[in-house]
């Protein structure tokens, strides 16, 4: 199993590709809807897993408290933007404008995380302390995705 840094980076790379795919589509096309659905659900499960594994470890370190709080705050802001996009008509220009804001903010977040947070985390968290966090991240992400899918199924039945 890969370490947590590699797994988070792999998710970020997947999200970058989905952002490209969404922006390369137009209106409420099936391709845009599918890419958005994948992005939305994967980012939500990724963020929950990241907060409960990686950030929980960071917050236990003096330096990590501010970084973890900052990143969790950004997660909330991104989540708010994604919910706004879910409530908007994808075929309208306003949706694309809001999406571009989300994209900019998300790319800033993941670049900051990969460059600054990962570098500092590797300095303050030993390999022995973080060993196994990749497995925890993967398991938590799968569980969160299951919960999201159940919630979606329940809302479709109503």
N, C-alpha and C. Protein backbone atom coordinates (compact mmCIF):
# COMPACT_ATOMS: atom_id res chain seq x y z
N UNK A 1 0.84 -1.18 0.00
CA UNK A 1 0.00 0.00 0.00
C UNK A 1 0.88 1.24 0.00
N UNK A 2 0.50 2.18 -0.81
CA UNK A 2 1.24 3.45 -0.90
C UNK A 2 1.08 4.25 0.39
N UNK A 3 2.00 5.17 0.61
CA UNK A 3 1.89 6.02 1.80
C UNK A 3 0.80 7.07 1.58
N UNK A 4 0.42 7.72 2.65
CA UNK A 4 -0.69 8.68 2.58
C UNK A 4 -0.40 9.85 1.64
N UNK A 5 0.85 10.28 1.59
CA UNK A 5 1.19 11.40 0.71
C UNK A 5 0.95 11.03 -0.76
N UNK A 6 1.37 9.83 -1.12
CA UNK A 6 1.20 9.34 -2.49
C UNK A 6 -0.28 9.19 -2.82
N UNK A 7 -1.05 8.66 -1.88
CA UNK A 7 -2.48 8.46 -2.12
C UNK A 7 -3.23 9.78 -2.27
N UNK A 8 -2.91 10.74 -1.43
CA UNK A 8 -3.55 12.05 -1.54
C UNK A 8 -3.18 12.70 -2.87
N UNK A 9 -1.92 12.64 -3.23
CA UNK A 9 -1.45 13.23 -4.50
C UNK A 9 -2.14 12.54 -5.69
N UNK A 10 -2.30 11.24 -5.61
CA UNK A 10 -2.98 10.50 -6.69
C UNK A 10 -4.42 10.99 -6.84
N UNK A 11 -5.11 11.21 -5.73
CA UNK A 11 -6.47 11.76 -5.79
C UNK A 11 -6.45 13.15 -6.41
N UNK A 12 -5.50 13.98 -5.98
CA UNK A 12 -5.41 15.33 -6.54
C UNK A 12 -5.21 15.29 -8.05
N UNK A 13 -4.36 14.40 -8.52
CA UNK A 13 -4.14 14.28 -9.97
C UNK A 13 -5.42 13.88 -10.69
N UNK A 14 -6.17 12.96 -10.09
CA UNK A 14 -7.46 12.56 -10.66
C UNK A 14 -8.42 13.75 -10.69
N UNK A 15 -8.43 14.52 -9.63
CA UNK A 15 -9.31 15.69 -9.57
C UNK A 15 -8.92 16.74 -10.60
N UNK A 16 -7.62 16.92 -10.83
CA UNK A 16 -7.17 17.87 -11.86
C UNK A 16 -7.69 17.44 -13.24
N UNK A 17 -7.64 16.16 -13.52
CA UNK A 17 -8.13 15.65 -14.80
C UNK A 17 -9.64 15.87 -14.94
N UNK A 18 -10.36 15.65 -13.85
CA UNK A 18 -11.81 15.88 -13.88
C UNK A 18 -12.13 17.35 -14.08
N UNK A 19 -11.38 18.22 -13.44
CA UNK A 19 -11.58 19.66 -13.63
C UNK A 19 -11.37 20.05 -15.10
N UNK A 20 -10.33 19.50 -15.70
CA UNK A 20 -10.09 19.74 -17.13
C UNK A 20 -11.27 19.25 -17.96
N UNK A 21 -11.72 18.04 -17.66
CA UNK A 21 -12.81 17.43 -18.42
C UNK A 21 -14.09 18.26 -18.29
N UNK A 22 -14.37 18.73 -17.08
CA UNK A 22 -15.57 19.54 -16.87
C UNK A 22 -15.48 20.83 -17.67
N UNK A 23 -14.33 21.48 -17.60
CA UNK A 23 -14.18 22.76 -18.30
C UNK A 23 -14.19 22.59 -19.82
N UNK A 24 -13.78 21.42 -20.29
CA UNK A 24 -13.75 21.17 -21.73
C UNK A 24 -15.11 20.79 -22.30
N UNK A 25 -16.10 20.66 -21.43
CA UNK A 25 -17.45 20.33 -21.89
C UNK A 25 -18.28 21.61 -21.91
N UNK A 26 -19.51 21.48 -22.39
CA UNK A 26 -20.37 22.66 -22.40
C UNK A 26 -21.78 22.29 -21.95
N UNK A 27 -22.47 23.32 -21.46
CA UNK A 27 -23.86 23.15 -21.07
C UNK A 27 -24.06 22.02 -20.08
N UNK A 28 -25.22 21.41 -20.18
CA UNK A 28 -25.57 20.32 -19.29
C UNK A 28 -25.40 18.98 -20.01
N UNK A 29 -24.28 18.85 -20.72
CA UNK A 29 -24.04 17.61 -21.47
C UNK A 29 -23.87 16.43 -20.52
N UNK A 30 -24.10 15.25 -21.04
CA UNK A 30 -23.95 14.04 -20.22
C UNK A 30 -22.51 13.88 -19.73
N UNK A 31 -21.55 14.26 -20.57
CA UNK A 31 -20.15 14.16 -20.17
C UNK A 31 -19.84 15.10 -19.01
N UNK A 32 -20.36 16.32 -19.08
CA UNK A 32 -20.14 17.27 -17.98
C UNK A 32 -20.81 16.77 -16.71
N UNK A 33 -22.04 16.29 -16.84
CA UNK A 33 -22.75 15.78 -15.66
C UNK A 33 -22.00 14.63 -15.02
N UNK A 34 -21.50 13.71 -15.83
CA UNK A 34 -20.78 12.55 -15.30
C UNK A 34 -19.47 12.97 -14.64
N UNK A 35 -18.74 13.87 -15.28
CA UNK A 35 -17.47 14.34 -14.71
C UNK A 35 -17.72 15.11 -13.42
N UNK A 36 -18.75 15.94 -13.41
CA UNK A 36 -19.08 16.70 -12.20
C UNK A 36 -19.47 15.75 -11.07
N UNK A 37 -20.30 14.77 -11.37
CA UNK A 37 -20.73 13.80 -10.37
C UNK A 37 -19.52 13.07 -9.77
N UNK A 38 -18.61 12.64 -10.62
CA UNK A 38 -17.40 11.96 -10.16
C UNK A 38 -16.56 12.89 -9.29
N UNK A 39 -16.34 14.12 -9.78
CA UNK A 39 -15.55 15.10 -9.02
C UNK A 39 -16.19 15.37 -7.67
N UNK A 40 -17.45 15.70 -7.67
CA UNK A 40 -18.17 16.07 -6.46
C UNK A 40 -18.06 14.97 -5.39
N UNK A 41 -18.39 13.75 -5.76
CA UNK A 41 -18.40 12.67 -4.78
C UNK A 41 -16.99 12.26 -4.37
N UNK A 42 -16.05 12.29 -5.29
CA UNK A 42 -14.69 11.90 -4.92
C UNK A 42 -14.04 12.95 -4.02
N UNK A 43 -14.25 14.22 -4.30
CA UNK A 43 -13.68 15.27 -3.46
C UNK A 43 -14.29 15.22 -2.06
N UNK A 44 -15.58 15.00 -1.97
CA UNK A 44 -16.22 14.93 -0.65
C UNK A 44 -15.68 13.76 0.17
N UNK A 45 -15.54 12.61 -0.43
CA UNK A 45 -15.02 11.46 0.32
C UNK A 45 -13.53 11.63 0.61
N UNK A 46 -12.80 12.21 -0.33
CA UNK A 46 -11.38 12.49 -0.15
C UNK A 46 -11.18 13.44 1.04
N UNK A 47 -11.94 14.52 1.08
CA UNK A 47 -11.78 15.53 2.14
C UNK A 47 -12.08 14.93 3.51
N UNK A 48 -13.14 14.15 3.61
CA UNK A 48 -13.48 13.53 4.89
C UNK A 48 -12.37 12.59 5.35
N UNK A 49 -11.87 11.78 4.44
CA UNK A 49 -10.79 10.84 4.79
C UNK A 49 -9.51 11.58 5.16
N UNK A 50 -9.22 12.63 4.43
CA UNK A 50 -8.02 13.42 4.69
C UNK A 50 -8.09 14.07 6.07
N UNK A 51 -9.25 14.62 6.40
CA UNK A 51 -9.41 15.27 7.70
C UNK A 51 -9.29 14.28 8.85
N UNK A 52 -9.85 13.11 8.68
CA UNK A 52 -9.87 12.13 9.77
C UNK A 52 -8.57 11.35 9.91
N UNK A 53 -7.75 11.35 8.89
CA UNK A 53 -6.48 10.62 9.01
C UNK A 53 -5.31 11.60 9.02
N UNK A 54 -5.01 12.20 7.91
CA UNK A 54 -3.84 13.06 7.76
C UNK A 54 -3.91 14.28 8.67
N UNK A 55 -5.00 15.03 8.62
CA UNK A 55 -5.10 16.24 9.42
C UNK A 55 -5.19 15.94 10.91
N UNK A 56 -5.83 14.83 11.26
CA UNK A 56 -5.89 14.48 12.69
C UNK A 56 -4.48 14.22 13.23
N UNK A 57 -3.62 13.65 12.40
CA UNK A 57 -2.23 13.44 12.81
C UNK A 57 -1.48 14.77 12.87
N UNK A 58 -1.70 15.62 11.89
CA UNK A 58 -1.04 16.93 11.88
C UNK A 58 -1.42 17.77 13.09
N UNK A 59 -2.67 17.71 13.47
CA UNK A 59 -3.14 18.56 14.56
C UNK A 59 -2.52 18.14 15.89
N UNK A 60 -2.01 16.93 15.95
CA UNK A 60 -1.36 16.48 17.19
C UNK A 60 0.03 17.08 17.34
N UNK A 61 0.53 17.72 16.30
CA UNK A 61 1.84 18.37 16.33
C UNK A 61 1.63 19.87 16.45
N UNK A 62 2.47 20.54 17.20
CA UNK A 62 2.31 21.98 17.41
C UNK A 62 2.24 22.72 16.09
N UNK A 63 3.20 22.46 15.19
CA UNK A 63 3.19 23.15 13.90
C UNK A 63 1.96 22.82 13.10
N UNK A 64 1.51 21.59 13.19
CA UNK A 64 0.43 21.12 12.34
C UNK A 64 -0.93 21.67 12.66
N UNK A 65 -1.12 22.20 13.85
CA UNK A 65 -2.45 22.69 14.23
C UNK A 65 -2.95 23.78 13.29
N UNK A 66 -2.14 24.79 13.06
CA UNK A 66 -2.56 25.88 12.18
C UNK A 66 -2.75 25.40 10.74
N UNK A 67 -1.84 24.57 10.25
CA UNK A 67 -1.95 24.06 8.88
C UNK A 67 -3.22 23.22 8.72
N UNK A 68 -3.48 22.36 9.69
CA UNK A 68 -4.67 21.51 9.62
C UNK A 68 -5.94 22.35 9.68
N UNK A 69 -5.99 23.30 10.58
CA UNK A 69 -7.18 24.16 10.69
C UNK A 69 -7.40 24.94 9.39
N UNK A 70 -6.32 25.47 8.85
CA UNK A 70 -6.42 26.22 7.60
C UNK A 70 -6.97 25.34 6.48
N UNK A 71 -6.43 24.14 6.36
CA UNK A 71 -6.87 23.23 5.29
C UNK A 71 -8.32 22.79 5.49
N UNK A 72 -8.70 22.52 6.72
CA UNK A 72 -10.09 22.12 6.99
C UNK A 72 -11.03 23.28 6.67
N UNK A 73 -10.61 24.50 6.99
CA UNK A 73 -11.41 25.68 6.64
C UNK A 73 -11.58 25.79 5.12
N UNK A 74 -10.49 25.56 4.39
CA UNK A 74 -10.59 25.58 2.93
C UNK A 74 -11.51 24.47 2.42
N UNK A 75 -11.47 23.30 3.05
CA UNK A 75 -12.38 22.23 2.67
C UNK A 75 -13.83 22.70 2.79
N UNK A 76 -14.14 23.41 3.87
CA UNK A 76 -15.51 23.88 4.09
C UNK A 76 -15.90 24.89 3.01
N UNK A 77 -15.00 25.78 2.69
CA UNK A 77 -15.29 26.77 1.65
C UNK A 77 -15.51 26.08 0.30
N UNK A 78 -14.69 25.10 -0.01
CA UNK A 78 -14.85 24.36 -1.26
C UNK A 78 -16.16 23.58 -1.28
N UNK A 79 -16.49 22.99 -0.15
CA UNK A 79 -17.74 22.25 -0.04
C UNK A 79 -18.93 23.17 -0.28
N UNK A 80 -18.88 24.38 0.29
CA UNK A 80 -19.95 25.35 0.07
C UNK A 80 -20.09 25.69 -1.41
N UNK A 81 -18.96 25.90 -2.09
CA UNK A 81 -19.00 26.19 -3.54
C UNK A 81 -19.60 25.01 -4.31
N UNK A 82 -19.21 23.80 -3.95
CA UNK A 82 -19.74 22.63 -4.66
C UNK A 82 -21.25 22.50 -4.45
N UNK A 83 -21.71 22.79 -3.25
CA UNK A 83 -23.15 22.72 -3.00
C UNK A 83 -23.89 23.81 -3.79
N UNK A 84 -23.31 24.99 -3.88
CA UNK A 84 -23.91 26.04 -4.70
C UNK A 84 -24.01 25.59 -6.15
N UNK A 85 -22.95 24.97 -6.65
CA UNK A 85 -22.96 24.48 -8.04
C UNK A 85 -24.02 23.41 -8.23
N UNK A 86 -24.21 22.56 -7.25
CA UNK A 86 -25.24 21.52 -7.35
C UNK A 86 -26.63 22.11 -7.47
N UNK A 87 -26.83 23.29 -6.87
CA UNK A 87 -28.14 23.93 -6.89
C UNK A 87 -28.36 24.81 -8.11
N UNK A 88 -27.35 24.94 -8.95
CA UNK A 88 -27.44 25.82 -10.12
C UNK A 88 -27.70 25.00 -11.39
N UNK A 89 -28.21 25.68 -12.40
CA UNK A 89 -28.44 25.08 -13.70
C UNK A 89 -27.10 25.02 -14.45
N UNK A 90 -26.64 23.83 -14.70
CA UNK A 90 -25.34 23.60 -15.33
C UNK A 90 -25.26 24.19 -16.74
N UNK A 91 -26.39 24.41 -17.37
CA UNK A 91 -26.38 24.93 -18.74
C UNK A 91 -26.25 26.46 -18.79
N UNK A 92 -26.30 27.10 -17.65
CA UNK A 92 -26.22 28.56 -17.59
C UNK A 92 -24.77 29.03 -17.44
N UNK A 93 -24.48 30.20 -17.97
CA UNK A 93 -23.14 30.77 -17.88
C UNK A 93 -22.69 31.00 -16.45
N UNK A 94 -23.65 31.29 -15.56
CA UNK A 94 -23.32 31.52 -14.14
C UNK A 94 -22.72 30.26 -13.52
N UNK A 95 -23.16 29.08 -13.98
CA UNK A 95 -22.60 27.84 -13.44
C UNK A 95 -21.11 27.76 -13.77
N UNK A 96 -20.77 28.05 -15.03
CA UNK A 96 -19.37 27.97 -15.45
C UNK A 96 -18.52 29.01 -14.72
N UNK A 97 -19.06 30.17 -14.49
CA UNK A 97 -18.34 31.21 -13.75
C UNK A 97 -18.04 30.74 -12.33
N UNK A 98 -19.05 30.17 -11.67
CA UNK A 98 -18.88 29.66 -10.30
C UNK A 98 -17.91 28.47 -10.31
N UNK A 99 -18.01 27.63 -11.34
CA UNK A 99 -17.10 26.49 -11.45
C UNK A 99 -15.65 26.96 -11.55
N UNK A 100 -15.42 28.01 -12.33
CA UNK A 100 -14.05 28.52 -12.47
C UNK A 100 -13.51 29.04 -11.15
N UNK A 101 -14.37 29.62 -10.32
CA UNK A 101 -13.97 30.03 -8.98
C UNK A 101 -13.59 28.81 -8.16
N UNK A 102 -14.42 27.78 -8.21
CA UNK A 102 -14.13 26.53 -7.49
C UNK A 102 -12.81 25.95 -7.96
N UNK A 103 -12.63 25.89 -9.26
CA UNK A 103 -11.40 25.32 -9.81
C UNK A 103 -10.17 26.07 -9.30
N UNK A 104 -10.21 27.38 -9.39
CA UNK A 104 -9.08 28.20 -8.92
C UNK A 104 -8.80 27.93 -7.45
N UNK A 105 -9.85 27.96 -6.63
CA UNK A 105 -9.67 27.76 -5.19
C UNK A 105 -9.19 26.35 -4.87
N UNK A 106 -9.72 25.35 -5.58
CA UNK A 106 -9.31 23.97 -5.32
C UNK A 106 -7.86 23.74 -5.75
N UNK A 107 -7.50 24.24 -6.90
CA UNK A 107 -6.11 24.07 -7.36
C UNK A 107 -5.14 24.78 -6.42
N UNK A 108 -5.51 25.94 -5.92
CA UNK A 108 -4.68 26.62 -4.93
C UNK A 108 -4.53 25.76 -3.68
N UNK A 109 -5.63 25.20 -3.21
CA UNK A 109 -5.63 24.36 -2.01
C UNK A 109 -4.72 23.14 -2.18
N UNK A 110 -4.85 22.43 -3.29
CA UNK A 110 -4.06 21.21 -3.43
C UNK A 110 -2.59 21.52 -3.69
N UNK A 111 -2.30 22.61 -4.37
CA UNK A 111 -0.89 22.99 -4.56
C UNK A 111 -0.25 23.36 -3.23
N UNK A 112 -0.96 24.11 -2.42
CA UNK A 112 -0.46 24.49 -1.10
C UNK A 112 -0.25 23.24 -0.24
N UNK A 113 -1.18 22.34 -0.30
CA UNK A 113 -1.09 21.11 0.47
C UNK A 113 0.12 20.27 0.03
N UNK A 114 0.26 20.07 -1.27
CA UNK A 114 1.35 19.24 -1.78
C UNK A 114 2.71 19.88 -1.57
N UNK A 115 2.80 21.20 -1.71
CA UNK A 115 4.09 21.87 -1.60
C UNK A 115 4.46 22.19 -0.15
N UNK A 116 3.59 22.88 0.54
CA UNK A 116 3.93 23.36 1.88
C UNK A 116 3.58 22.37 2.98
N UNK A 117 2.35 21.89 2.98
CA UNK A 117 1.90 21.03 4.08
C UNK A 117 2.63 19.69 4.07
N UNK A 118 2.73 19.05 2.91
CA UNK A 118 3.43 17.77 2.85
C UNK A 118 4.89 17.92 3.27
N UNK A 119 5.56 18.96 2.79
CA UNK A 119 6.97 19.16 3.10
C UNK A 119 7.16 19.30 4.60
N UNK A 120 6.35 20.14 5.22
CA UNK A 120 6.48 20.35 6.66
C UNK A 120 6.05 19.10 7.44
N UNK A 121 5.01 18.44 6.99
CA UNK A 121 4.55 17.23 7.68
C UNK A 121 5.64 16.17 7.69
N UNK A 122 6.33 16.03 6.59
CA UNK A 122 7.42 15.04 6.54
C UNK A 122 8.55 15.39 7.51
N UNK A 123 8.70 16.68 7.81
CA UNK A 123 9.73 17.11 8.76
C UNK A 123 9.33 16.85 10.20
N UNK A 124 8.04 16.94 10.51
CA UNK A 124 7.61 16.84 11.91
C UNK A 124 6.94 15.52 12.27
N UNK A 125 6.57 14.74 11.28
CA UNK A 125 5.96 13.42 11.55
C UNK A 125 6.88 12.35 10.99
N UNK A 126 7.37 11.51 11.86
CA UNK A 126 8.29 10.46 11.41
C UNK A 126 7.54 9.41 10.60
N UNK A 127 8.30 8.69 9.78
CA UNK A 127 7.71 7.60 8.98
C UNK A 127 7.04 6.57 9.88
N UNK A 128 7.66 6.27 11.02
CA UNK A 128 7.09 5.26 11.91
C UNK A 128 5.76 5.73 12.51
N UNK A 129 5.62 7.05 12.72
CA UNK A 129 4.38 7.58 13.27
C UNK A 129 3.24 7.54 12.26
N UNK A 130 3.55 7.73 11.00
CA UNK A 130 2.50 7.85 9.98
C UNK A 130 2.30 6.55 9.20
N UNK A 131 3.10 5.55 9.52
CA UNK A 131 2.95 4.26 8.85
C UNK A 131 1.53 3.72 9.08
N UNK A 132 0.94 3.24 8.03
CA UNK A 132 -0.42 2.70 8.12
C UNK A 132 -1.49 3.74 7.82
N UNK A 133 -1.12 5.00 7.72
CA UNK A 133 -2.11 6.03 7.46
C UNK A 133 -2.65 5.95 6.03
N UNK A 134 -1.87 5.41 5.12
CA UNK A 134 -2.37 5.21 3.76
C UNK A 134 -3.56 4.26 3.75
N UNK A 135 -3.43 3.15 4.51
CA UNK A 135 -4.52 2.19 4.61
C UNK A 135 -5.73 2.82 5.28
N UNK A 136 -5.49 3.59 6.33
CA UNK A 136 -6.59 4.26 7.03
C UNK A 136 -7.31 5.24 6.11
N UNK A 137 -6.52 5.99 5.36
CA UNK A 137 -7.09 6.96 4.42
C UNK A 137 -7.97 6.25 3.39
N UNK A 138 -7.45 5.19 2.81
CA UNK A 138 -8.19 4.45 1.78
C UNK A 138 -9.48 3.86 2.35
N UNK A 139 -9.41 3.28 3.53
CA UNK A 139 -10.60 2.68 4.15
C UNK A 139 -11.63 3.76 4.50
N UNK A 140 -11.17 4.86 5.03
CA UNK A 140 -12.09 5.94 5.41
C UNK A 140 -12.73 6.57 4.18
N UNK A 141 -11.97 6.72 3.12
CA UNK A 141 -12.51 7.29 1.88
C UNK A 141 -13.59 6.37 1.31
N UNK A 142 -13.35 5.07 1.32
CA UNK A 142 -14.34 4.11 0.81
C UNK A 142 -15.61 4.15 1.67
N UNK A 143 -15.45 4.24 2.98
CA UNK A 143 -16.61 4.31 3.87
C UNK A 143 -17.40 5.59 3.62
N UNK A 144 -16.71 6.70 3.48
CA UNK A 144 -17.39 7.97 3.21
C UNK A 144 -18.12 7.91 1.88
N UNK A 145 -17.52 7.32 0.87
CA UNK A 145 -18.17 7.20 -0.44
C UNK A 145 -19.43 6.36 -0.33
N UNK A 146 -19.36 5.29 0.47
CA UNK A 146 -20.54 4.44 0.69
C UNK A 146 -21.66 5.25 1.35
N UNK A 147 -21.31 6.06 2.34
CA UNK A 147 -22.31 6.89 3.02
C UNK A 147 -22.92 7.92 2.08
N UNK A 148 -22.09 8.53 1.25
CA UNK A 148 -22.58 9.51 0.27
C UNK A 148 -23.53 8.84 -0.71
N UNK A 149 -23.15 7.66 -1.20
CA UNK A 149 -23.99 6.94 -2.15
C UNK A 149 -25.33 6.54 -1.51
N UNK A 150 -25.30 6.12 -0.25
CA UNK A 150 -26.54 5.77 0.44
C UNK A 150 -27.44 6.98 0.58
N UNK A 151 -26.86 8.11 0.94
CA UNK A 151 -27.62 9.35 1.10
C UNK A 151 -28.25 9.74 -0.24
N UNK A 152 -27.49 9.59 -1.32
CA UNK A 152 -28.00 9.94 -2.65
C UNK A 152 -29.16 9.01 -3.03
N UNK A 153 -29.01 7.72 -2.76
CA UNK A 153 -30.09 6.77 -3.06
C UNK A 153 -31.34 7.09 -2.27
N UNK A 154 -31.16 7.45 -0.98
CA UNK A 154 -32.30 7.81 -0.15
C UNK A 154 -33.02 9.03 -0.70
N UNK A 155 -32.27 10.02 -1.16
CA UNK A 155 -32.89 11.24 -1.68
C UNK A 155 -33.60 10.97 -3.00
N UNK A 156 -33.13 10.03 -3.78
CA UNK A 156 -33.78 9.68 -5.04
C UNK A 156 -35.10 8.96 -4.80
N UNK A 157 -35.18 8.23 -3.68
CA UNK A 157 -36.39 7.47 -3.35
C UNK A 157 -37.49 8.38 -2.82
N UNK A 158 -37.13 9.54 -2.27
CA UNK A 158 -38.13 10.47 -1.70
C UNK A 158 -38.94 11.16 -2.75
